[in-house]
Amino acid sequence: METFFLEKHPHVELCDLLKFMGWCESGAAAKAVIAEGQVKVNGQVETRKRCKILADQQVEFASSKLVVKASAE
């Protein structure tokens, strides 16, 4: 399982997270897979493209999984 650090940000939008992780080539591609119901947040299908992902949430797409943490400290 991978880890994404928010650092000093309170959240990251789901479509941006997929793009940052390299799971999708573009924001448009990320929004499409989210709309198709291919992404899960904490085990539940999430279709809101700009859903705010907070620390300690888990995101799954295809065979990739990650946990979001506040910081590397």
PDB file of N, CA and C in Angstrom:
ATOM      1  N   MET A   1       0.849  -1.184   0.000  1.00  0.00           N
ATOM      2  CA  MET A   1       0.000   0.000   0.000  1.00  0.00           C
ATOM      3  C   MET A   1       0.891   1.244   0.000  1.00  0.00           C
ATOM      4  N   GLU A   2       0.539   2.185  -0.858  1.00  0.00           N
ATOM      5  CA  GLU A   2       1.292   3.423  -0.961  1.00  0.00           C
ATOM      6  C   GLU A   2       0.786   4.435   0.063  1.00  0.00           C
ATOM      7  N   THR A   3       1.558   5.497   0.264  1.00  0.00           N
ATOM      8  CA  THR A   3       1.180   6.562   1.188  1.00  0.00           C
ATOM      9  C   THR A   3       1.278   7.900   0.471  1.00  0.00           C
ATOM     10  N   PHE A   4       0.276   8.747   0.681  1.00  0.00           N
ATOM     11  CA  PHE A   4       0.279  10.109   0.152  1.00  0.00           C
ATOM     12  C   PHE A   4       0.233  11.053   1.341  1.00  0.00           C
ATOM     13  N   PHE A   5       1.144  12.017   1.370  1.00  0.00           N
ATOM     14  CA  PHE A   5       1.210  12.964   2.481  1.00  0.00           C
ATOM     15  C   PHE A   5       0.600  14.305   2.088  1.00  0.00           C
ATOM     16  N   LEU A   6      -0.331  14.786   2.908  1.00  0.00           N
ATOM     17  CA  LEU A   6      -0.974  16.072   2.670  1.00  0.00           C
ATOM     18  C   LEU A   6      -0.044  17.238   2.989  1.00  0.00           C
ATOM     19  N   GLU A   7       0.953  16.986   3.826  1.00  0.00           N
ATOM     20  CA  GLU A   7       1.859  18.029   4.332  1.00  0.00           C
ATOM     21  C   GLU A   7       1.027  19.107   5.018  1.00  0.00           C
ATOM     22  N   LYS A   8       1.044  20.336   4.557  1.00  0.00           N
ATOM     23  CA  LYS A   8       0.339  21.413   5.272  1.00  0.00           C
ATOM     24  C   LYS A   8      -1.047  21.693   4.714  1.00  0.00           C
ATOM     25  N   HIS A   9      -1.508  20.862   3.799  1.00  0.00           N
ATOM     26  CA  HIS A   9      -2.826  21.049   3.197  1.00  0.00           C
ATOM     27  C   HIS A   9      -3.869  20.278   4.009  1.00  0.00           C
ATOM     28  N   PRO A  10      -5.082  20.821   4.150  1.00  0.00           N
ATOM     29  CA  PRO A  10      -6.117  20.123   4.927  1.00  0.00           C
ATOM     30  C   PRO A  10      -6.715  18.919   4.198  1.00  0.00           C
ATOM     31  N   HIS A  11      -6.664  18.940   2.859  1.00  0.00           N
ATOM     32  CA  HIS A  11      -7.257  17.859   2.064  1.00  0.00           C
ATOM     33  C   HIS A  11      -6.677  17.880   0.648  1.00  0.00           C
ATOM     34  N   VAL A  12      -7.026  16.855  -0.127  1.00  0.00           N
ATOM     35  CA  VAL A  12      -6.719  16.822  -1.555  1.00  0.00           C
ATOM     36  C   VAL A  12      -7.980  16.342  -2.265  1.00  0.00           C
ATOM     37  N   GLU A  13      -8.288  16.922  -3.408  1.00  0.00           N
ATOM     38  CA  GLU A  13      -9.465  16.489  -4.154  1.00  0.00           C
ATOM     39  C   GLU A  13      -9.167  15.156  -4.818  1.00  0.00           C
ATOM     40  N   LEU A  14     -10.158  14.283  -4.857  1.00  0.00           N
ATOM     41  CA  LEU A  14      -9.975  12.924  -5.359  1.00  0.00           C
ATOM     42  C   LEU A  14      -9.413  12.902  -6.781  1.00  0.00           C
ATOM     43  N   CYS A  15      -9.940  13.715  -7.679  1.00  0.00           N
ATOM     44  CA  CYS A  15      -9.441  13.718  -9.058  1.00  0.00           C
ATOM     45  C   CYS A  15      -7.973  14.135  -9.112  1.00  0.00           C
ATOM     46  N   ASP A  16      -7.585  15.085  -8.274  1.00  0.00           N
ATOM     47  CA  ASP A  16      -6.181  15.514  -8.230  1.00  0.00           C
ATOM     48  C   ASP A  16      -5.288  14.415  -7.663  1.00  0.00           C
ATOM     49  N   LEU A  17      -5.772  13.700  -6.668  1.00  0.00           N
ATOM     50  CA  LEU A  17      -4.987  12.626  -6.056  1.00  0.00           C
ATOM     51  C   LEU A  17      -4.653  11.540  -7.081  1.00  0.00           C
ATOM     52  N   LEU A  18      -5.627  11.144  -7.883  1.00  0.00           N
ATOM     53  CA  LEU A  18      -5.376  10.124  -8.901  1.00  0.00           C
ATOM     54  C   LEU A  18      -4.317  10.598  -9.900  1.00  0.00           C
ATOM     55  N   LYS A  19      -4.353  11.874 -10.227  1.00  0.00           N
ATOM     56  CA  LYS A  19      -3.381  12.446 -11.152  1.00  0.00           C
ATOM     57  C   LYS A  19      -1.994  12.530 -10.488  1.00  0.00           C
ATOM     58  N   PHE A  20      -1.935  13.015  -9.249  1.00  0.00           N
ATOM     59  CA  PHE A  20      -0.663  13.132  -8.527  1.00  0.00           C
ATOM     60  C   PHE A  20       0.030  11.781  -8.372  1.00  0.00           C
ATOM     61  N   MET A  21      -0.753  10.728  -8.146  1.00  0.00           N
ATOM     62  CA  MET A  21      -0.186   9.404  -7.928  1.00  0.00           C
ATOM     63  C   MET A  21       0.237   8.736  -9.241  1.00  0.00           C
ATOM     64  N   GLY A  22      -0.132   9.342 -10.367  1.00  0.00           N
ATOM     65  CA  GLY A  22       0.203   8.760 -11.665  1.00  0.00           C
ATOM     66  C   GLY A  22      -0.727   7.632 -12.059  1.00  0.00           C
ATOM     67  N   TRP A  23      -1.849   7.524 -11.371  1.00  0.00           N
ATOM     68  CA  TRP A  23      -2.824   6.472 -11.678  1.00  0.00           C
ATOM     69  C   TRP A  23      -3.639   6.836 -12.909  1.00  0.00           C
ATOM     70  N   CYS A  24      -3.730   8.125 -13.227  1.00  0.00           N
ATOM     71  CA  CYS A  24      -4.414   8.611 -14.424  1.00  0.00           C
ATOM     72  C   CYS A  24      -3.504   9.634 -15.092  1.00  0.00           C
ATOM     73  N   GLU A  25      -3.571   9.685 -16.416  1.00  0.00           N
ATOM     74  CA  GLU A  25      -2.697  10.579 -17.175  1.00  0.00           C
ATOM     75  C   GLU A  25      -3.100  12.045 -17.070  1.00  0.00           C
ATOM     76  N   SER A  26      -4.371  12.299 -16.835  1.00  0.00           N
ATOM     77  CA  SER A  26      -4.842  13.687 -16.793  1.00  0.00           C
ATOM     78  C   SER A  26      -6.008  13.806 -15.828  1.00  0.00           C
ATOM     79  N   GLY A  27      -6.356  15.054 -15.547  1.00  0.00           N
ATOM     80  CA  GLY A  27      -7.509  15.306 -14.698  1.00  0.00           C
ATOM     81  C   GLY A  27      -8.794  14.809 -15.335  1.00  0.00           C
ATOM     82  N   ALA A  28      -8.897  14.955 -16.644  1.00  0.00           N
ATOM     83  CA  ALA A  28     -10.096  14.485 -17.353  1.00  0.00           C
ATOM     84  C   ALA A  28     -10.225  12.967 -17.251  1.00  0.00           C
ATOM     85  N   ALA A  29      -9.106  12.260 -17.379  1.00  0.00           N
ATOM     86  CA  ALA A  29      -9.131  10.797 -17.250  1.00  0.00           C
ATOM     87  C   ALA A  29      -9.509  10.393 -15.830  1.00  0.00           C
ATOM     88  N   ALA A  30      -8.994  11.132 -14.848  1.00  0.00           N
ATOM     89  CA  ALA A  30      -9.321  10.844 -13.447  1.00  0.00           C
ATOM     90  C   ALA A  30     -10.814  11.046 -13.194  1.00  0.00           C
ATOM     91  N   LYS A  31     -11.350  12.140 -13.696  1.00  0.00           N
ATOM     92  CA  LYS A  31     -12.780  12.416 -13.512  1.00  0.00           C
ATOM     93  C   LYS A  31     -13.637  11.345 -14.173  1.00  0.00           C
ATOM     94  N   ALA A  32     -13.191  10.832 -15.313  1.00  0.00           N
ATOM     95  CA  ALA A  32     -13.955   9.798 -16.024  1.00  0.00           C
ATOM     96  C   ALA A  32     -14.011   8.500 -15.220  1.00  0.00           C
ATOM     97  N   VAL A  33     -12.876   8.049 -14.684  1.00  0.00           N
ATOM     98  CA  VAL A  33     -12.887   6.777 -13.935  1.00  0.00           C
ATOM     99  C   VAL A  33     -13.654   6.923 -12.629  1.00  0.00           C
ATOM    100  N   ILE A  34     -13.629   8.121 -12.041  1.00  0.00           N
ATOM    101  CA  ILE A  34     -14.412   8.355 -10.816  1.00  0.00           C
ATOM    102  C   ILE A  34     -15.901   8.282 -11.161  1.00  0.00           C
ATOM    103  N   ALA A  35     -16.315   8.958 -12.224  1.00  0.00           N
ATOM    104  CA  ALA A  35     -17.722   8.966 -12.639  1.00  0.00           C
ATOM    105  C   ALA A  35     -18.225   7.564 -12.978  1.00  0.00           C
ATOM    106  N   GLU A  36     -17.320   6.714 -13.483  1.00  0.00           N
ATOM    107  CA  GLU A  36     -17.690   5.336 -13.832  1.00  0.00           C
ATOM    108  C   GLU A  36     -17.759   4.416 -12.614  1.00  0.00           C
ATOM    109  N   GLY A  37     -17.443   4.939 -11.436  1.00  0.00           N
ATOM    110  CA  GLY A  37     -17.528   4.137 -10.217  1.00  0.00           C
ATOM    111  C   GLY A  37     -16.358   3.191 -10.015  1.00  0.00           C
ATOM    112  N   GLN A  38     -15.194   3.517 -10.580  1.00  0.00           N
ATOM    113  CA  GLN A  38     -14.029   2.643 -10.480  1.00  0.00           C
ATOM    114  C   GLN A  38     -13.136   2.953  -9.279  1.00  0.00           C
ATOM    115  N   VAL A  39     -13.485   3.982  -8.509  1.00  0.00           N
ATOM    116  CA  VAL A  39     -12.642   4.403  -7.388  1.00  0.00           C
ATOM    117  C   VAL A  39     -13.403   4.203  -6.078  1.00  0.00           C
ATOM    118  N   LYS A  40     -12.701   3.702  -5.075  1.00  0.00           N
ATOM    119  CA  LYS A  40     -13.290   3.518  -3.753  1.00  0.00           C
ATOM    120  C   LYS A  40     -12.543   4.366  -2.730  1.00  0.00           C
ATOM    121  N   VAL A  41     -13.301   4.920  -1.801  1.00  0.00           N
ATOM    122  CA  VAL A  41     -12.737   5.649  -0.669  1.00  0.00           C
ATOM    123  C   VAL A  41     -13.249   4.956   0.586  1.00  0.00           C
ATOM    124  N   ASN A  42     -12.327   4.487   1.397  1.00  0.00           N
ATOM    125  CA  ASN A  42     -12.666   3.726   2.605  1.00  0.00           C
ATOM    126  C   ASN A  42     -13.600   2.555   2.290  1.00  0.00           C
ATOM    127  N   GLY A  43     -13.352   1.888   1.162  1.00  0.00           N
ATOM    128  CA  GLY A  43     -14.095   0.699   0.795  1.00  0.00           C
ATOM    129  C   GLY A  43     -15.431   0.936   0.112  1.00  0.00           C
ATOM    130  N   GLN A  44     -15.831   2.203  -0.045  1.00  0.00           N
ATOM    131  CA  GLN A  44     -17.107   2.538  -0.674  1.00  0.00           C
ATOM    132  C   GLN A  44     -16.859   3.234  -2.012  1.00  0.00           C
ATOM    133  N   VAL A  45     -17.645   2.884  -3.021  1.00  0.00           N
ATOM    134  CA  VAL A  45     -17.520   3.536  -4.331  1.00  0.00           C
ATOM    135  C   VAL A  45     -17.787   5.028  -4.161  1.00  0.00           C
ATOM    136  N   GLU A  46     -16.905   5.839  -4.727  1.00  0.00           N
ATOM    137  CA  GLU A  46     -17.037   7.305  -4.647  1.00  0.00           C
ATOM    138  C   GLU A  46     -17.151   7.862  -6.062  1.00  0.00           C
ATOM    139  N   THR A  47     -18.236   8.594  -6.342  1.00  0.00           N
ATOM    140  CA  THR A  47     -18.447   9.155  -7.671  1.00  0.00           C
ATOM    141  C   THR A  47     -18.341  10.677  -7.693  1.00  0.00           C
ATOM    142  N   ARG A  48     -18.048  11.280  -6.558  1.00  0.00           N
ATOM    143  CA  ARG A  48     -17.862  12.739  -6.524  1.00  0.00           C
ATOM    144  C   ARG A  48     -16.419  13.042  -6.933  1.00  0.00           C
ATOM    145  N   LYS A  49     -16.271  13.700  -8.059  1.00  0.00           N
ATOM    146  CA  LYS A  49     -14.943  13.953  -8.627  1.00  0.00           C
ATOM    147  C   LYS A  49     -14.064  14.805  -7.723  1.00  0.00           C
ATOM    148  N   ARG A  50     -14.650  15.765  -7.062  1.00  0.00           N
ATOM    149  CA  ARG A  50     -13.882  16.683  -6.220  1.00  0.00           C
ATOM    150  C   ARG A  50     -14.063  16.381  -4.728  1.00  0.00           C
ATOM    151  N   CYS A  51     -14.382  15.155  -4.427  1.00  0.00           N
ATOM    152  CA  CYS A  51     -14.515  14.716  -3.037  1.00  0.00           C
ATOM    153  C   CYS A  51     -13.226  15.055  -2.280  1.00  0.00           C
ATOM    154  N   LYS A  52     -13.356  15.660  -1.104  1.00  0.00           N
ATOM    155  CA  LYS A  52     -12.188  16.041  -0.317  1.00  0.00           C
ATOM    156  C   LYS A  52     -11.669  14.825   0.448  1.00  0.00           C
ATOM    157  N   ILE A  53     -10.446  14.429   0.134  1.00  0.00           N
ATOM    158  CA  ILE A  53      -9.811  13.292   0.793  1.00  0.00           C
ATOM    159  C   ILE A  53      -8.973  13.831   1.945  1.00  0.00           C
ATOM    160  N   LEU A  54      -9.254  13.312   3.135  1.00  0.00           N
ATOM    161  CA  LEU A  54      -8.610  13.775   4.360  1.00  0.00           C
ATOM    162  C   LEU A  54      -7.605  12.750   4.867  1.00  0.00           C
ATOM    163  N   ALA A  55      -6.823  13.161   5.854  1.00  0.00           N
ATOM    164  CA  ALA A  55      -5.846  12.255   6.471  1.00  0.00           C
ATOM    165  C   ALA A  55      -6.547  11.015   7.008  1.00  0.00           C
ATOM    166  N   ASP A  56      -5.881   9.891   6.911  1.00  0.00           N
ATOM    167  CA  ASP A  56      -6.319   8.581   7.393  1.00  0.00           C
ATOM    168  C   ASP A  56      -7.396   7.917   6.542  1.00  0.00           C
ATOM    169  N   GLN A  57      -7.715   8.500   5.388  1.00  0.00           N
ATOM    170  CA  GLN A  57      -8.634   7.839   4.471  1.00  0.00           C
ATOM    171  C   GLN A  57      -7.830   6.956   3.518  1.00  0.00           C
ATOM    172  N   GLN A  58      -8.484   5.896   3.020  1.00  0.00           N
ATOM    173  CA  GLN A  58      -7.857   4.987   2.068  1.00  0.00           C
ATOM    174  C   GLN A  58      -8.555   5.117   0.718  1.00  0.00           C
ATOM    175  N   VAL A  59      -7.758   5.084  -0.344  1.00  0.00           N
ATOM    176  CA  VAL A  59      -8.278   5.209  -1.706  1.00  0.00           C
ATOM    177  C   VAL A  59      -7.805   4.006  -2.509  1.00  0.00           C
ATOM    178  N   GLU A  60      -8.728   3.419  -3.303  1.00  0.00           N
ATOM    179  CA  GLU A  60      -8.413   2.267  -4.146  1.00  0.00           C
ATOM    180  C   GLU A  60      -8.834   2.566  -5.581  1.00  0.00           C
ATOM    181  N   PHE A  61      -7.966   2.177  -6.516  1.00  0.00           N
ATOM    182  CA  PHE A  61      -8.286   2.283  -7.941  1.00  0.00           C
ATOM    183  C   PHE A  61      -7.551   1.161  -8.652  1.00  0.00           C
ATOM    184  N   ALA A  62      -8.274   0.377  -9.413  1.00  0.00           N
ATOM    185  CA  ALA A  62      -7.711  -0.791 -10.101  1.00  0.00           C
ATOM    186  C   ALA A  62      -7.038  -1.664  -9.044  1.00  0.00           C
ATOM    187  N   SER A  63      -5.780  -1.981  -9.208  1.00  0.00           N
ATOM    188  CA  SER A  63      -5.093  -2.818  -8.221  1.00  0.00           C
ATOM    189  C   SER A  63      -4.240  -1.981  -7.272  1.00  0.00           C
ATOM    190  N   SER A  64      -4.397  -0.661  -7.318  1.00  0.00           N
ATOM    191  CA  SER A  64      -3.592   0.238  -6.484  1.00  0.00           C
ATOM    192  C   SER A  64      -4.374   0.691  -5.254  1.00  0.00           C
ATOM    193  N   LYS A  65      -3.660   0.792  -4.141  1.00  0.00           N
ATOM    194  CA  LYS A  65      -4.263   1.262  -2.895  1.00  0.00           C
ATOM    195  C   LYS A  65      -3.312   2.243  -2.235  1.00  0.00           C
ATOM    196  N   LEU A  66      -3.894   3.221  -1.543  1.00  0.00           N
ATOM    197  CA  LEU A  66      -3.063   4.142  -0.787  1.00  0.00           C
ATOM    198  C   LEU A  66      -3.793   4.600   0.459  1.00  0.00           C
ATOM    199  N   VAL A  67      -3.009   5.068   1.408  1.00  0.00           N
ATOM    200  CA  VAL A  67      -3.537   5.687   2.608  1.00  0.00           C
ATOM    201  C   VAL A  67      -3.011   7.105   2.630  1.00  0.00           C
ATOM    202  N   VAL A  68      -3.867   8.043   3.021  1.00  0.00           N
ATOM    203  CA  VAL A  68      -3.502   9.442   3.080  1.00  0.00           C
ATOM    204  C   VAL A  68      -3.110   9.773   4.510  1.00  0.00           C
ATOM    205  N   LYS A  69      -1.968  10.424   4.665  1.00  0.00           N
ATOM    206  CA  LYS A  69      -1.470  10.833   5.980  1.00  0.00           C
ATOM    207  C   LYS A  69      -1.279  12.333   5.995  1.00  0.00           C
ATOM    208  N   ALA A  70      -1.337  12.928   7.182  1.00  0.00           N
ATOM    209  CA  ALA A  70      -1.192  14.374   7.310  1.00  0.00           C
ATOM    210  C   ALA A  70       0.213  14.830   6.933  1.00  0.00           C
ATOM    211  N   SER A  71       1.225  14.136   7.449  1.00  0.00           N
ATOM    212  CA  SER A  71       2.601  14.516   7.138  1.00  0.00           C
ATOM    213  C   SER A  71       3.524  13.323   7.338  1.00  0.00           C
ATOM    214  N   ALA A  72       4.755  13.454   6.892  1.00  0.00           N
ATOM    215  CA  ALA A  72       5.729  12.373   6.993  1.00  0.00           C
ATOM    216  C   ALA A  72       6.314  12.270   8.397  1.00  0.00           C
ATOM    217  N   GLU A  73       6.034  13.230   9.258  1.00  0.00           N
ATOM    218  CA  GLU A  73       6.594  13.241  10.617  1.00  0.00           C
ATOM    219  C   GLU A  73       5.997  12.184  11.498  1.00  0.00           C
TER     220      GLU A  73
END
